[in-house]
């Protein structure tokens, strides 16, 4: 996983070094408890922490961004049979 983009309040944030399931579980637990501050990165380049308040009814999107695609060990093109 390269990173996870988080859309919140019409803006994009990101989370690095974590798996999507872990972030979604943290969000779900925060909603169940009534509120939670989710630590994310605001901007690109140098890390700048931002805290997003996760509460019931607040829309939030978790968008996994995969890393580099793996190289196909068989470089021959696939040809459909006639």
PDB file of N, CA and C in Angstrom:
ATOM      1  N   UNK A   1       0.854  -1.174   0.000  1.00  0.00           N
ATOM      2  CA  UNK A   1       0.000   0.000   0.000  1.00  0.00           C
ATOM      3  C   UNK A   1       0.897   1.233   0.000  1.00  0.00           C
ATOM      4  N   UNK A   2       0.673   2.111  -0.970  1.00  0.00           N
ATOM      5  CA  UNK A   2       1.450   3.344  -1.058  1.00  0.00           C
ATOM      6  C   UNK A   2       0.995   4.319   0.026  1.00  0.00           C
ATOM      7  N   UNK A   3      -0.296   4.570   0.068  1.00  0.00           N
ATOM      8  CA  UNK A   3      -0.875   5.454   1.079  1.00  0.00           C
ATOM      9  C   UNK A   3      -2.387   5.273   1.048  1.00  0.00           C
ATOM     10  N   UNK A   4      -3.057   5.934   1.967  1.00  0.00           N
ATOM     11  CA  UNK A   4      -4.506   5.931   2.007  1.00  0.00           C
ATOM     12  C   UNK A   4      -4.944   7.387   1.969  1.00  0.00           C
ATOM     13  N   UNK A   5      -5.751   7.741   0.986  1.00  0.00           N
ATOM     14  CA  UNK A   5      -6.315   9.081   0.942  1.00  0.00           C
ATOM     15  C   UNK A   5      -7.588   9.090   1.773  1.00  0.00           C
ATOM     16  N   UNK A   6      -7.800  10.186   2.470  1.00  0.00           N
ATOM     17  CA  UNK A   6      -8.989  10.380   3.293  1.00  0.00           C
ATOM     18  C   UNK A   6      -9.673  11.651   2.800  1.00  0.00           C
ATOM     19  N   UNK A   7     -10.927  11.523   2.347  1.00  0.00           N
ATOM     20  CA  UNK A   7     -11.682  12.708   1.963  1.00  0.00           C
ATOM     21  C   UNK A   7     -12.596  13.073   3.127  1.00  0.00           C
ATOM     22  N   UNK A   8     -12.489  14.318   3.560  1.00  0.00           N
ATOM     23  CA  UNK A   8     -13.221  14.762   4.745  1.00  0.00           C
ATOM     24  C   UNK A   8     -13.486  16.259   4.578  1.00  0.00           C
ATOM     25  N   UNK A   9     -14.731  16.669   4.689  1.00  0.00           N
ATOM     26  CA  UNK A   9     -15.065  18.089   4.600  1.00  0.00           C
ATOM     27  C   UNK A   9     -14.703  18.714   3.261  1.00  0.00           C
ATOM     28  N   UNK A  10     -14.730  17.924   2.198  1.00  0.00           N
ATOM     29  CA  UNK A  10     -14.418  18.440   0.878  1.00  0.00           C
ATOM     30  C   UNK A  10     -12.934  18.587   0.593  1.00  0.00           C
ATOM     31  N   UNK A  11     -12.081  18.118   1.491  1.00  0.00           N
ATOM     32  CA  UNK A  11     -10.629  18.199   1.306  1.00  0.00           C
ATOM     33  C   UNK A  11     -10.023  16.811   1.365  1.00  0.00           C
ATOM     34  N   UNK A  12      -8.858  16.669   0.768  1.00  0.00           N
ATOM     35  CA  UNK A  12      -8.140  15.399   0.778  1.00  0.00           C
ATOM     36  C   UNK A  12      -7.004  15.451   1.789  1.00  0.00           C
ATOM     37  N   UNK A  13      -6.890  14.375   2.526  1.00  0.00           N
ATOM     38  CA  UNK A  13      -5.804  14.169   3.481  1.00  0.00           C
ATOM     39  C   UNK A  13      -5.216  12.803   3.158  1.00  0.00           C
ATOM     40  N   UNK A  14      -4.140  12.422   3.834  1.00  0.00           N
ATOM     41  CA  UNK A  14      -3.574  11.103   3.579  1.00  0.00           C
ATOM     42  C   UNK A  14      -3.062  10.478   4.863  1.00  0.00           C
ATOM     43  N   UNK A  15      -2.931   9.153   4.804  1.00  0.00           N
ATOM     44  CA  UNK A  15      -2.394   8.359   5.904  1.00  0.00           C
ATOM     45  C   UNK A  15      -1.361   7.429   5.286  1.00  0.00           C
ATOM     46  N   UNK A  16      -0.198   7.349   5.881  1.00  0.00           N
ATOM     47  CA  UNK A  16       0.834   6.453   5.376  1.00  0.00           C
ATOM     48  C   UNK A  16       1.218   5.419   6.421  1.00  0.00           C
ATOM     49  N   UNK A  17       1.769   4.315   5.951  1.00  0.00           N
ATOM     50  CA  UNK A  17       2.280   3.293   6.864  1.00  0.00           C
ATOM     51  C   UNK A  17       1.212   2.480   7.575  1.00  0.00           C
ATOM     52  N   UNK A  18      -0.014   2.512   7.083  1.00  0.00           N
ATOM     53  CA  UNK A  18      -1.091   1.744   7.702  1.00  0.00           C
ATOM     54  C   UNK A  18      -1.884   1.046   6.619  1.00  0.00           C
ATOM     55  N   UNK A  19      -2.639   0.038   7.007  1.00  0.00           N
ATOM     56  CA  UNK A  19      -3.494  -0.698   6.080  1.00  0.00           C
ATOM     57  C   UNK A  19      -4.914  -0.127   6.132  1.00  0.00           C
ATOM     58  N   UNK A  20      -5.624  -0.169   5.012  1.00  0.00           N
ATOM     59  CA  UNK A  20      -6.992   0.374   4.987  1.00  0.00           C
ATOM     60  C   UNK A  20      -7.909  -0.229   6.050  1.00  0.00           C
ATOM     61  N   UNK A  21      -7.824  -1.542   6.263  1.00  0.00           N
ATOM     62  CA  UNK A  21      -8.686  -2.183   7.266  1.00  0.00           C
ATOM     63  C   UNK A  21      -8.448  -1.601   8.656  1.00  0.00           C
ATOM     64  N   UNK A  22      -7.207  -1.312   8.971  1.00  0.00           N
ATOM     65  CA  UNK A  22      -6.854  -0.747  10.280  1.00  0.00           C
ATOM     66  C   UNK A  22      -7.467   0.653  10.440  1.00  0.00           C
ATOM     67  N   UNK A  23      -7.356   1.477   9.387  1.00  0.00           N
ATOM     68  CA  UNK A  23      -7.908   2.836   9.437  1.00  0.00           C
ATOM     69  C   UNK A  23      -9.438   2.787   9.523  1.00  0.00           C
ATOM     70  N   UNK A  24     -10.063   1.921   8.731  1.00  0.00           N
ATOM     71  CA  UNK A  24     -11.524   1.806   8.774  1.00  0.00           C
ATOM     72  C   UNK A  24     -12.000   1.319  10.135  1.00  0.00           C
ATOM     73  N   UNK A  25     -11.266   0.388  10.737  1.00  0.00           N
ATOM     74  CA  UNK A  25     -11.634  -0.097  12.071  1.00  0.00           C
ATOM     75  C   UNK A  25     -11.536   1.049  13.089  1.00  0.00           C
ATOM     76  N   UNK A  26     -10.488   1.879  12.995  1.00  0.00           N
ATOM     77  CA  UNK A  26     -10.345   3.016  13.901  1.00  0.00           C
ATOM     78  C   UNK A  26     -11.509   3.993  13.741  1.00  0.00           C
ATOM     79  N   UNK A  27     -11.915   4.235  12.501  1.00  0.00           N
ATOM     80  CA  UNK A  27     -13.049   5.135  12.241  1.00  0.00           C
ATOM     81  C   UNK A  27     -14.339   4.542  12.811  1.00  0.00           C
ATOM     82  N   UNK A  28     -14.575   3.253  12.565  1.00  0.00           N
ATOM     83  CA  UNK A  28     -15.782   2.595  13.085  1.00  0.00           C
ATOM     84  C   UNK A  28     -15.836   2.654  14.604  1.00  0.00           C
ATOM     85  N   UNK A  29     -14.705   2.387  15.260  1.00  0.00           N
ATOM     86  CA  UNK A  29     -14.670   2.430  16.722  1.00  0.00           C
ATOM     87  C   UNK A  29     -14.921   3.844  17.231  1.00  0.00           C
ATOM     88  N   UNK A  30     -14.407   4.833  16.503  1.00  0.00           N
ATOM     89  CA  UNK A  30     -14.649   6.225  16.889  1.00  0.00           C
ATOM     90  C   UNK A  30     -16.114   6.599  16.783  1.00  0.00           C
ATOM     91  N   UNK A  31     -16.762   6.143  15.724  1.00  0.00           N
ATOM     92  CA  UNK A  31     -18.194   6.422  15.548  1.00  0.00           C
ATOM     93  C   UNK A  31     -18.998   5.734  16.645  1.00  0.00           C
ATOM     94  N   UNK A  32     -18.640   4.485  16.947  1.00  0.00           N
ATOM     95  CA  UNK A  32     -19.363   3.747  18.000  1.00  0.00           C
ATOM     96  C   UNK A  32     -19.224   4.423  19.361  1.00  0.00           C
ATOM     97  N   UNK A  33     -18.067   5.035  19.622  1.00  0.00           N
ATOM     98  CA  UNK A  33     -17.862   5.683  20.920  1.00  0.00           C
ATOM     99  C   UNK A  33     -18.447   7.098  20.964  1.00  0.00           C
ATOM    100  N   UNK A  34     -18.886   7.607  19.807  1.00  0.00           N
ATOM    101  CA  UNK A  34     -19.486   8.933  19.768  1.00  0.00           C
ATOM    102  C   UNK A  34     -18.608   9.977  19.107  1.00  0.00           C
ATOM    103  N   UNK A  35     -17.285   9.841  19.244  1.00  0.00           N
ATOM    104  CA  UNK A  35     -16.357  10.741  18.558  1.00  0.00           C
ATOM    105  C   UNK A  35     -14.932  10.189  18.666  1.00  0.00           C
ATOM    106  N   UNK A  36     -14.073  10.655  17.765  1.00  0.00           N
ATOM    107  CA  UNK A  36     -12.671  10.222  17.756  1.00  0.00           C
ATOM    108  C   UNK A  36     -11.880  11.207  16.905  1.00  0.00           C
ATOM    109  N   UNK A  37     -10.666  11.503  17.305  1.00  0.00           N
ATOM    110  CA  UNK A  37      -9.771  12.344  16.516  1.00  0.00           C
ATOM    111  C   UNK A  37      -8.865  11.427  15.697  1.00  0.00           C
ATOM    112  N   UNK A  38      -8.983  11.489  14.373  1.00  0.00           N
ATOM    113  CA  UNK A  38      -8.186  10.676  13.462  1.00  0.00           C
ATOM    114  C   UNK A  38      -6.995  11.507  12.990  1.00  0.00           C
ATOM    115  N   UNK A  39      -5.779  11.017  13.241  1.00  0.00           N
ATOM    116  CA  UNK A  39      -4.553  11.732  12.838  1.00  0.00           C
ATOM    117  C   UNK A  39      -4.244  11.410  11.376  1.00  0.00           C
ATOM    118  N   UNK A  40      -4.127  12.446  10.563  1.00  0.00           N
ATOM    119  CA  UNK A  40      -3.848  12.315   9.139  1.00  0.00           C
ATOM    120  C   UNK A  40      -2.761  13.318   8.762  1.00  0.00           C
ATOM    121  N   UNK A  41      -2.321  13.252   7.505  1.00  0.00           N
ATOM    122  CA  UNK A  41      -1.357  14.204   6.975  1.00  0.00           C
ATOM    123  C   UNK A  41      -2.110  15.215   6.112  1.00  0.00           C
ATOM    124  N   UNK A  42      -1.814  16.482   6.315  1.00  0.00           N
ATOM    125  CA  UNK A  42      -2.415  17.553   5.533  1.00  0.00           C
ATOM    126  C   UNK A  42      -1.371  18.059   4.544  1.00  0.00           C
ATOM    127  N   UNK A  43      -1.641  17.925   3.261  1.00  0.00           N
ATOM    128  CA  UNK A  43      -0.707  18.402   2.250  1.00  0.00           C
ATOM    129  C   UNK A  43       0.224  17.309   1.766  1.00  0.00           C
ATOM    130  N   UNK A  44       1.125  17.699   0.869  1.00  0.00           N
ATOM    131  CA  UNK A  44       2.090  16.755   0.305  1.00  0.00           C
ATOM    132  C   UNK A  44       3.490  17.209   0.678  1.00  0.00           C
ATOM    133  N   UNK A  45       4.439  16.277   0.541  1.00  0.00           N
ATOM    134  CA  UNK A  45       5.815  16.619   0.896  1.00  0.00           C
ATOM    135  C   UNK A  45       6.027  16.444   2.382  1.00  0.00           C
ATOM    136  N   UNK A  46       6.497  17.502   3.054  1.00  0.00           N
ATOM    137  CA  UNK A  46       6.782  17.423   4.480  1.00  0.00           C
ATOM    138  C   UNK A  46       5.514  17.116   5.272  1.00  0.00           C
ATOM    139  N   UNK A  47       5.642  16.200   6.212  1.00  0.00           N
ATOM    140  CA  UNK A  47       4.483  15.805   7.014  1.00  0.00           C
ATOM    141  C   UNK A  47       3.989  16.969   7.858  1.00  0.00           C
ATOM    142  N   UNK A  48       2.677  17.175   7.799  1.00  0.00           N
ATOM    143  CA  UNK A  48       2.021  18.182   8.621  1.00  0.00           C
ATOM    144  C   UNK A  48       0.767  17.532   9.174  1.00  0.00           C
ATOM    145  N   UNK A  49       0.790  17.199  10.466  1.00  0.00           N
ATOM    146  CA  UNK A  49      -0.336  16.504  11.085  1.00  0.00           C
ATOM    147  C   UNK A  49      -1.595  17.362  11.105  1.00  0.00           C
ATOM    148  N   UNK A  50      -2.710  16.681  10.903  1.00  0.00           N
ATOM    149  CA  UNK A  50      -4.034  17.279  11.075  1.00  0.00           C
ATOM    150  C   UNK A  50      -4.859  16.258  11.834  1.00  0.00           C
ATOM    151  N   UNK A  51      -5.796  16.729  12.616  1.00  0.00           N
ATOM    152  CA  UNK A  51      -6.689  15.862  13.371  1.00  0.00           C
ATOM    153  C   UNK A  51      -8.104  16.087  12.874  1.00  0.00           C
ATOM    154  N   UNK A  52      -8.732  15.000  12.416  1.00  0.00           N
ATOM    155  CA  UNK A  52     -10.096  15.062  11.911  1.00  0.00           C
ATOM    156  C   UNK A  52     -11.043  14.500  12.966  1.00  0.00           C
ATOM    157  N   UNK A  53     -12.084  15.240  13.277  1.00  0.00           N
ATOM    158  CA  UNK A  53     -13.064  14.774  14.262  1.00  0.00           C
ATOM    159  C   UNK A  53     -14.058  13.851  13.571  1.00  0.00           C
ATOM    160  N   UNK A  54     -14.019  12.585  13.961  1.00  0.00           N
ATOM    161  CA  UNK A  54     -14.907  11.567  13.396  1.00  0.00           C
ATOM    162  C   UNK A  54     -16.075  11.401  14.362  1.00  0.00           C
ATOM    163  N   UNK A  55     -17.284  11.660  13.853  1.00  0.00           N
ATOM    164  CA  UNK A  55     -18.493  11.514  14.652  1.00  0.00           C
ATOM    165  C   UNK A  55     -19.588  10.899  13.786  1.00  0.00           C
ATOM    166  N   UNK A  56     -20.632  10.340  14.394  1.00  0.00           N
ATOM    167  CA  UNK A  56     -21.731   9.801  13.601  1.00  0.00           C
ATOM    168  C   UNK A  56     -22.332  10.883  12.697  1.00  0.00           C
ATOM    169  N   UNK A  57     -22.601  10.520  11.447  1.00  0.00           N
ATOM    170  CA  UNK A  57     -23.236  11.427  10.505  1.00  0.00           C
ATOM    171  C   UNK A  57     -22.284  12.294   9.696  1.00  0.00           C
ATOM    172  N   UNK A  58     -20.998  12.272  10.023  1.00  0.00           N
ATOM    173  CA  UNK A  58     -20.030  13.067   9.270  1.00  0.00           C
ATOM    174  C   UNK A  58     -19.455  12.198   8.153  1.00  0.00           C
ATOM    175  N   UNK A  59     -19.616  12.618   6.886  1.00  0.00           N
ATOM    176  CA  UNK A  59     -19.108  11.793   5.785  1.00  0.00           C
ATOM    177  C   UNK A  59     -17.584  11.791   5.741  1.00  0.00           C
ATOM    178  N   UNK A  60     -17.046  10.598   5.544  1.00  0.00           N
ATOM    179  CA  UNK A  60     -15.602  10.426   5.430  1.00  0.00           C
ATOM    180  C   UNK A  60     -15.370   9.277   4.448  1.00  0.00           C
ATOM    181  N   UNK A  61     -14.406   9.446   3.554  1.00  0.00           N
ATOM    182  CA  UNK A  61     -14.105   8.411   2.562  1.00  0.00           C
ATOM    183  C   UNK A  61     -12.678   7.931   2.760  1.00  0.00           C
ATOM    184  N   UNK A  62     -12.496   6.613   2.662  1.00  0.00           N
ATOM    185  CA  UNK A  62     -11.182   5.979   2.764  1.00  0.00           C
ATOM    186  C   UNK A  62     -10.858   5.437   1.375  1.00  0.00           C
ATOM    187  N   UNK A  63      -9.778   5.959   0.770  1.00  0.00           N
ATOM    188  CA  UNK A  63      -9.423   5.603  -0.607  1.00  0.00           C
ATOM    189  C   UNK A  63      -8.010   5.015  -0.631  1.00  0.00           C
ATOM    190  N   UNK A  64      -7.882   3.679  -0.680  1.00  0.00           N
ATOM    191  CA  UNK A  64      -6.551   3.071  -0.738  1.00  0.00           C
ATOM    192  C   UNK A  64      -5.867   3.386  -2.073  1.00  0.00           C
ATOM    193  N   UNK A  65      -4.615   3.808  -2.010  1.00  0.00           N
ATOM    194  CA  UNK A  65      -3.810   4.086  -3.199  1.00  0.00           C
ATOM    195  C   UNK A  65      -2.721   3.020  -3.255  1.00  0.00           C
ATOM    196  N   UNK A  66      -2.817   2.084  -4.209  1.00  0.00           N
ATOM    197  CA  UNK A  66      -1.837   0.996  -4.263  1.00  0.00           C
ATOM    198  C   UNK A  66      -0.458   1.501  -4.682  1.00  0.00           C
ATOM    199  N   UNK A  67       0.560   0.713  -4.324  1.00  0.00           N
ATOM    200  CA  UNK A  67       1.923   1.016  -4.735  1.00  0.00           C
ATOM    201  C   UNK A  67       2.130   0.674  -6.193  1.00  0.00           C
ATOM    202  N   UNK A  68       3.362   0.566  -6.572  1.00  0.00           N
ATOM    203  CA  UNK A  68       3.699   0.224  -7.948  1.00  0.00           C
ATOM    204  C   UNK A  68       3.124  -1.142  -8.298  1.00  0.00           C
ATOM    205  N   UNK A  69       2.563  -1.274  -9.497  1.00  0.00           N
ATOM    206  CA  UNK A  69       2.033  -2.582  -9.892  1.00  0.00           C
ATOM    207  C   UNK A  69       3.163  -3.587 -10.040  1.00  0.00           C
ATOM    208  N   UNK A  70       2.855  -4.833  -9.751  1.00  0.00           N
ATOM    209  CA  UNK A  70       3.869  -5.875  -9.899  1.00  0.00           C
ATOM    210  C   UNK A  70       4.097  -6.144 -11.383  1.00  0.00           C
ATOM    211  N   UNK A  71       5.281  -6.601 -11.700  1.00  0.00           N
ATOM    212  CA  UNK A  71       5.647  -6.882 -13.091  1.00  0.00           C
ATOM    213  C   UNK A  71       5.161  -8.271 -13.459  1.00  0.00           C
ATOM    214  N   UNK A  72       4.488  -8.384 -14.593  1.00  0.00           N
ATOM    215  CA  UNK A  72       3.997  -9.667 -15.083  1.00  0.00           C
ATOM    216  C   UNK A  72       5.200 -10.494 -15.519  1.00  0.00           C
ATOM    217  N   UNK A  73       5.393 -11.690 -14.960  1.00  0.00           N
ATOM    218  CA  UNK A  73       6.558 -12.498 -15.332  1.00  0.00           C
ATOM    219  C   UNK A  73       6.488 -13.005 -16.770  1.00  0.00           C
ATOM    220  N   UNK A  74       5.309 -12.986 -17.390  1.00  0.00           N
ATOM    221  CA  UNK A  74       5.154 -13.434 -18.765  1.00  0.00           C
ATOM    222  C   UNK A  74       4.813 -12.212 -19.624  1.00  0.00           C
ATOM    223  N   UNK A  75       5.802 -11.617 -20.313  1.00  0.00           N
ATOM    224  CA  UNK A  75       5.564 -10.372 -21.048  1.00  0.00           C
ATOM    225  C   UNK A  75       4.817 -10.560 -22.366  1.00  0.00           C
ATOM    226  N   UNK A  76       4.509 -11.822 -22.748  1.00  0.00           N
ATOM    227  CA  UNK A  76       3.784 -12.041 -24.003  1.00  0.00           C
ATOM    228  C   UNK A  76       2.358 -11.544 -23.884  1.00  0.00           C
ATOM    229  N   UNK A  77       1.836 -10.887 -24.915  1.00  0.00           N
ATOM    230  CA  UNK A  77       0.457 -10.409 -24.850  1.00  0.00           C
ATOM    231  C   UNK A  77      -0.521 -11.585 -24.863  1.00  0.00           C
ATOM    232  N   UNK A  78      -1.616 -11.413 -24.203  1.00  0.00           N
ATOM    233  CA  UNK A  78      -2.653 -12.429 -24.193  1.00  0.00           C
ATOM    234  C   UNK A  78      -3.472 -12.294 -25.464  1.00  0.00           C
ATOM    235  N   UNK A  79      -3.642 -13.394 -26.164  1.00  0.00           N
ATOM    236  CA  UNK A  79      -4.400 -13.394 -27.415  1.00  0.00           C
ATOM    237  C   UNK A  79      -5.636 -14.253 -27.214  1.00  0.00           C
ATOM    238  N   UNK A  80      -6.793 -13.681 -27.501  1.00  0.00           N
ATOM    239  CA  UNK A  80      -8.035 -14.422 -27.386  1.00  0.00           C
ATOM    240  C   UNK A  80      -8.096 -15.500 -28.474  1.00  0.00           C
ATOM    241  N   UNK A  81      -8.555 -16.692 -28.129  1.00  0.00           N
ATOM    242  CA  UNK A  81      -8.678 -17.731 -29.158  1.00  0.00           C
ATOM    243  C   UNK A  81      -9.779 -17.381 -30.151  1.00  0.00           C
ATOM    244  N   UNK A  82      -9.628 -17.870 -31.368  1.00  0.00           N
ATOM    245  CA  UNK A  82     -10.632 -17.637 -32.417  1.00  0.00           C
ATOM    246  C   UNK A  82     -11.889 -18.402 -32.152  1.00  0.00           C
TER     247      UNK A  82
END
